[in-house]
Amino acid sequence: MLSHVVLITTKDKNYADKLCEGLETLKAIPNISIHFGKPIPSNRPVVDSNYTVGIVVQCKDQEGLTFYAEHPIHLKFVKEYLNDVSIKVYDFE
């Protein structure tokens, strides 16, 4: 199992709802599991909530991640929704 974790930060926190709407389209990509949402409040000092939307995509292996990354639905999402945002990506097995 490979996990692809993405944290998106925008200047406009109100953009989170629009991002989540766009992320819904990624659910149509076969052979992945996707979960996304806004940060939840926390008083724990180890929790970093300084992002707008978090995403976790899981797939079988590196080939599956490449399939996801190059899929037309993903490419359309990136083009339409990820302008003027900051992104951090973490991939692990």
N, C-alpha and C. Protein backbone atom coordinates (compact mmCIF):
# COMPACT_ATOMS: atom_id res chain seq x y z
N MET A 1 0.85 -1.18 0.00
CA MET A 1 0.00 0.00 0.00
C MET A 1 0.89 1.24 0.00
N LEU A 2 0.57 2.19 -0.84
CA LEU A 2 1.29 3.45 -0.92
C LEU A 2 0.32 4.57 -0.57
N SER A 3 0.76 5.50 0.28
CA SER A 3 -0.06 6.65 0.65
C SER A 3 0.55 7.92 0.09
N HIS A 4 -0.29 8.73 -0.49
CA HIS A 4 0.08 10.01 -1.09
C HIS A 4 -0.68 11.07 -0.29
N VAL A 5 0.05 11.83 0.52
CA VAL A 5 -0.56 12.83 1.40
C VAL A 5 -0.25 14.21 0.85
N VAL A 6 -1.29 15.02 0.70
CA VAL A 6 -1.13 16.37 0.14
C VAL A 6 -1.77 17.37 1.09
N LEU A 7 -1.03 18.41 1.44
CA LEU A 7 -1.57 19.51 2.23
C LEU A 7 -1.57 20.75 1.37
N ILE A 8 -2.73 21.32 1.17
CA ILE A 8 -2.89 22.51 0.33
C ILE A 8 -3.17 23.71 1.24
N THR A 9 -2.42 24.77 1.03
CA THR A 9 -2.63 26.00 1.78
C THR A 9 -2.94 27.12 0.80
N THR A 10 -4.01 27.87 1.11
CA THR A 10 -4.40 29.00 0.27
C THR A 10 -4.43 30.26 1.13
N LYS A 11 -4.33 31.38 0.47
CA LYS A 11 -4.45 32.65 1.19
C LYS A 11 -5.89 32.87 1.64
N ASP A 12 -6.83 32.42 0.82
CA ASP A 12 -8.25 32.57 1.09
C ASP A 12 -8.79 31.27 1.69
N LYS A 13 -9.01 31.24 2.99
CA LYS A 13 -9.51 30.03 3.66
C LYS A 13 -10.91 29.65 3.16
N ASN A 14 -11.65 30.60 2.60
CA ASN A 14 -12.97 30.31 2.04
C ASN A 14 -12.89 29.44 0.79
N TYR A 15 -11.69 29.29 0.22
CA TYR A 15 -11.49 28.49 -0.97
C TYR A 15 -11.59 26.99 -0.66
N ALA A 16 -11.58 26.62 0.61
CA ALA A 16 -11.61 25.21 1.01
C ALA A 16 -12.83 24.49 0.45
N ASP A 17 -13.99 25.11 0.51
CA ASP A 17 -15.20 24.45 0.01
C ASP A 17 -15.10 24.18 -1.48
N LYS A 18 -14.58 25.14 -2.22
CA LYS A 18 -14.43 24.96 -3.67
C LYS A 18 -13.42 23.84 -3.96
N LEU A 19 -12.31 23.81 -3.20
CA LEU A 19 -11.33 22.74 -3.36
C LEU A 19 -11.98 21.38 -3.12
N CYS A 20 -12.76 21.27 -2.07
CA CYS A 20 -13.42 20.00 -1.76
C CYS A 20 -14.39 19.58 -2.85
N GLU A 21 -15.07 20.54 -3.45
CA GLU A 21 -15.95 20.23 -4.58
C GLU A 21 -15.14 19.64 -5.73
N GLY A 22 -14.01 20.25 -6.02
CA GLY A 22 -13.15 19.74 -7.08
C GLY A 22 -12.57 18.37 -6.75
N LEU A 23 -12.23 18.17 -5.50
CA LEU A 23 -11.67 16.89 -5.07
C LEU A 23 -12.67 15.75 -5.23
N GLU A 24 -13.94 16.06 -5.14
CA GLU A 24 -14.97 15.04 -5.35
C GLU A 24 -14.80 14.36 -6.71
N THR A 25 -14.34 15.11 -7.71
CA THR A 25 -14.18 14.55 -9.06
C THR A 25 -13.11 13.46 -9.09
N LEU A 26 -12.14 13.53 -8.18
CA LEU A 26 -11.05 12.55 -8.17
C LEU A 26 -11.53 11.17 -7.75
N LYS A 27 -12.68 11.09 -7.11
CA LYS A 27 -13.23 9.80 -6.70
C LYS A 27 -13.55 8.91 -7.89
N ALA A 28 -13.65 9.48 -9.08
CA ALA A 28 -13.95 8.71 -10.29
C ALA A 28 -12.71 8.01 -10.86
N ILE A 29 -11.54 8.30 -10.33
CA ILE A 29 -10.32 7.65 -10.81
C ILE A 29 -10.28 6.24 -10.24
N PRO A 30 -10.14 5.24 -11.11
CA PRO A 30 -10.17 3.86 -10.62
C PRO A 30 -8.91 3.48 -9.84
N ASN A 31 -9.07 2.48 -9.00
CA ASN A 31 -7.97 1.84 -8.27
C ASN A 31 -7.29 2.72 -7.22
N ILE A 32 -8.00 3.72 -6.72
CA ILE A 32 -7.47 4.53 -5.62
C ILE A 32 -8.53 4.65 -4.54
N SER A 33 -8.07 4.97 -3.35
CA SER A 33 -8.94 5.36 -2.26
C SER A 33 -8.56 6.80 -1.92
N ILE A 34 -9.53 7.67 -1.75
CA ILE A 34 -9.22 9.07 -1.47
C ILE A 34 -10.08 9.57 -0.31
N HIS A 35 -9.44 10.32 0.55
CA HIS A 35 -10.11 10.99 1.66
C HIS A 35 -9.55 12.41 1.74
N PHE A 36 -10.41 13.39 1.97
CA PHE A 36 -9.94 14.77 2.05
C PHE A 36 -10.84 15.56 2.99
N GLY A 37 -10.33 16.68 3.47
CA GLY A 37 -11.12 17.54 4.33
C GLY A 37 -10.33 18.70 4.88
N LYS A 38 -11.02 19.52 5.65
CA LYS A 38 -10.43 20.69 6.28
C LYS A 38 -9.82 20.29 7.62
N PRO A 39 -8.83 21.04 8.09
CA PRO A 39 -8.23 20.71 9.39
C PRO A 39 -9.24 20.87 10.53
N ILE A 40 -9.06 20.06 11.54
CA ILE A 40 -9.91 20.18 12.72
C ILE A 40 -9.13 20.92 13.81
N PRO A 41 -9.80 21.68 14.64
CA PRO A 41 -9.10 22.41 15.70
C PRO A 41 -8.44 21.44 16.69
N SER A 42 -7.29 21.84 17.20
CA SER A 42 -6.59 21.01 18.18
C SER A 42 -5.78 21.90 19.11
N ASN A 43 -5.76 21.54 20.38
CA ASN A 43 -4.92 22.24 21.35
C ASN A 43 -3.60 21.52 21.55
N ARG A 44 -3.41 20.39 20.87
CA ARG A 44 -2.18 19.62 21.01
C ARG A 44 -1.04 20.33 20.27
N PRO A 45 0.07 20.58 20.92
CA PRO A 45 1.16 21.32 20.29
C PRO A 45 1.81 20.59 19.11
N VAL A 46 1.65 19.27 19.01
CA VAL A 46 2.25 18.53 17.90
C VAL A 46 1.41 18.59 16.62
N VAL A 47 0.19 19.11 16.72
CA VAL A 47 -0.71 19.15 15.57
C VAL A 47 -0.52 20.45 14.80
N ASP A 48 -0.23 20.32 13.51
CA ASP A 48 -0.10 21.48 12.63
C ASP A 48 -1.39 21.61 11.83
N SER A 49 -2.16 22.62 12.10
CA SER A 49 -3.43 22.85 11.39
C SER A 49 -3.34 24.04 10.44
N ASN A 50 -2.13 24.40 10.07
CA ASN A 50 -1.92 25.56 9.20
C ASN A 50 -1.96 25.18 7.73
N TYR A 51 -3.08 24.63 7.31
CA TYR A 51 -3.32 24.31 5.91
C TYR A 51 -4.80 24.47 5.66
N THR A 52 -5.19 24.48 4.41
CA THR A 52 -6.58 24.71 4.04
C THR A 52 -7.35 23.40 3.85
N VAL A 53 -6.73 22.46 3.13
CA VAL A 53 -7.35 21.16 2.87
C VAL A 53 -6.25 20.10 2.87
N GLY A 54 -6.56 18.97 3.50
CA GLY A 54 -5.66 17.82 3.48
C GLY A 54 -6.26 16.69 2.65
N ILE A 55 -5.39 15.94 1.97
CA ILE A 55 -5.84 14.87 1.09
C ILE A 55 -4.97 13.64 1.35
N VAL A 56 -5.59 12.49 1.40
CA VAL A 56 -4.85 11.22 1.45
C VAL A 56 -5.38 10.34 0.32
N VAL A 57 -4.47 9.97 -0.58
CA VAL A 57 -4.79 9.06 -1.66
C VAL A 57 -4.01 7.78 -1.40
N GLN A 58 -4.68 6.65 -1.46
CA GLN A 58 -3.99 5.38 -1.30
C GLN A 58 -4.16 4.55 -2.56
N CYS A 59 -3.07 3.90 -2.94
CA CYS A 59 -3.07 3.02 -4.10
C CYS A 59 -2.15 1.84 -3.81
N LYS A 60 -2.13 0.89 -4.71
CA LYS A 60 -1.40 -0.36 -4.48
C LYS A 60 0.11 -0.17 -4.44
N ASP A 61 0.65 0.63 -5.38
CA ASP A 61 2.10 0.72 -5.52
C ASP A 61 2.48 1.97 -6.31
N GLN A 62 3.76 2.10 -6.63
CA GLN A 62 4.25 3.27 -7.37
C GLN A 62 3.59 3.38 -8.74
N GLU A 63 3.36 2.27 -9.37
CA GLU A 63 2.68 2.28 -10.67
C GLU A 63 1.27 2.87 -10.53
N GLY A 64 0.58 2.52 -9.45
CA GLY A 64 -0.75 3.07 -9.19
C GLY A 64 -0.71 4.56 -8.95
N LEU A 65 0.33 5.02 -8.24
CA LEU A 65 0.48 6.46 -8.00
C LEU A 65 0.73 7.20 -9.30
N THR A 66 1.55 6.62 -10.16
CA THR A 66 1.81 7.24 -11.47
C THR A 66 0.53 7.29 -12.29
N PHE A 67 -0.24 6.20 -12.27
CA PHE A 67 -1.52 6.17 -12.98
C PHE A 67 -2.42 7.30 -12.49
N TYR A 68 -2.52 7.46 -11.17
CA TYR A 68 -3.33 8.53 -10.58
C TYR A 68 -2.82 9.91 -11.00
N ALA A 69 -1.53 10.12 -10.87
CA ALA A 69 -0.94 11.44 -11.15
C ALA A 69 -1.11 11.85 -12.60
N GLU A 70 -1.12 10.88 -13.50
CA GLU A 70 -1.22 11.17 -14.94
C GLU A 70 -2.64 11.04 -15.48
N HIS A 71 -3.56 10.67 -14.63
CA HIS A 71 -4.95 10.47 -15.07
C HIS A 71 -5.55 11.81 -15.49
N PRO A 72 -6.30 11.84 -16.60
CA PRO A 72 -6.90 13.10 -17.07
C PRO A 72 -7.76 13.82 -16.04
N ILE A 73 -8.47 13.10 -15.19
CA ILE A 73 -9.29 13.75 -14.17
C ILE A 73 -8.40 14.49 -13.17
N HIS A 74 -7.30 13.87 -12.78
CA HIS A 74 -6.35 14.51 -11.85
C HIS A 74 -5.72 15.73 -12.51
N LEU A 75 -5.29 15.59 -13.75
CA LEU A 75 -4.65 16.71 -14.45
C LEU A 75 -5.62 17.89 -14.60
N LYS A 76 -6.89 17.60 -14.85
CA LYS A 76 -7.90 18.66 -14.96
C LYS A 76 -8.07 19.35 -13.61
N PHE A 77 -8.13 18.57 -12.53
CA PHE A 77 -8.25 19.15 -11.19
C PHE A 77 -7.07 20.08 -10.90
N VAL A 78 -5.87 19.62 -11.17
CA VAL A 78 -4.68 20.43 -10.92
C VAL A 78 -4.76 21.75 -11.69
N LYS A 79 -5.12 21.66 -12.96
CA LYS A 79 -5.18 22.86 -13.81
C LYS A 79 -6.25 23.85 -13.33
N GLU A 80 -7.40 23.33 -12.90
CA GLU A 80 -8.53 24.20 -12.55
C GLU A 80 -8.52 24.71 -11.11
N TYR A 81 -7.89 23.97 -10.19
CA TYR A 81 -8.04 24.30 -8.77
C TYR A 81 -6.74 24.67 -8.04
N LEU A 82 -5.60 24.36 -8.61
CA LEU A 82 -4.38 24.52 -7.84
C LEU A 82 -3.51 25.69 -8.29
N ASN A 83 -4.15 26.73 -8.77
CA ASN A 83 -3.41 27.96 -9.09
C ASN A 83 -3.32 28.81 -7.83
N ASP A 84 -2.18 29.41 -7.62
CA ASP A 84 -1.98 30.32 -6.48
C ASP A 84 -2.23 29.65 -5.13
N VAL A 85 -1.73 28.42 -5.00
CA VAL A 85 -1.80 27.71 -3.72
C VAL A 85 -0.41 27.18 -3.38
N SER A 86 -0.21 26.86 -2.14
CA SER A 86 1.02 26.21 -1.68
C SER A 86 0.69 24.75 -1.41
N ILE A 87 1.56 23.85 -1.86
CA ILE A 87 1.31 22.43 -1.72
C ILE A 87 2.51 21.72 -1.10
N LYS A 88 2.23 20.84 -0.14
CA LYS A 88 3.24 19.95 0.41
C LYS A 88 2.76 18.53 0.14
N VAL A 89 3.67 17.69 -0.33
CA VAL A 89 3.32 16.31 -0.68
C VAL A 89 4.24 15.36 0.09
N TYR A 90 3.63 14.31 0.64
CA TYR A 90 4.37 13.27 1.34
C TYR A 90 3.91 11.93 0.80
N ASP A 91 4.82 11.14 0.26
CA ASP A 91 4.51 9.81 -0.24
C ASP A 91 5.26 8.78 0.60
N PHE A 92 4.57 7.72 1.00
CA PHE A 92 5.24 6.67 1.77
C PHE A 92 4.55 5.33 1.57
N GLU A 93 5.32 4.27 1.84
CA GLU A 93 4.79 2.90 1.76
C GLU A 93 4.42 2.43 3.15
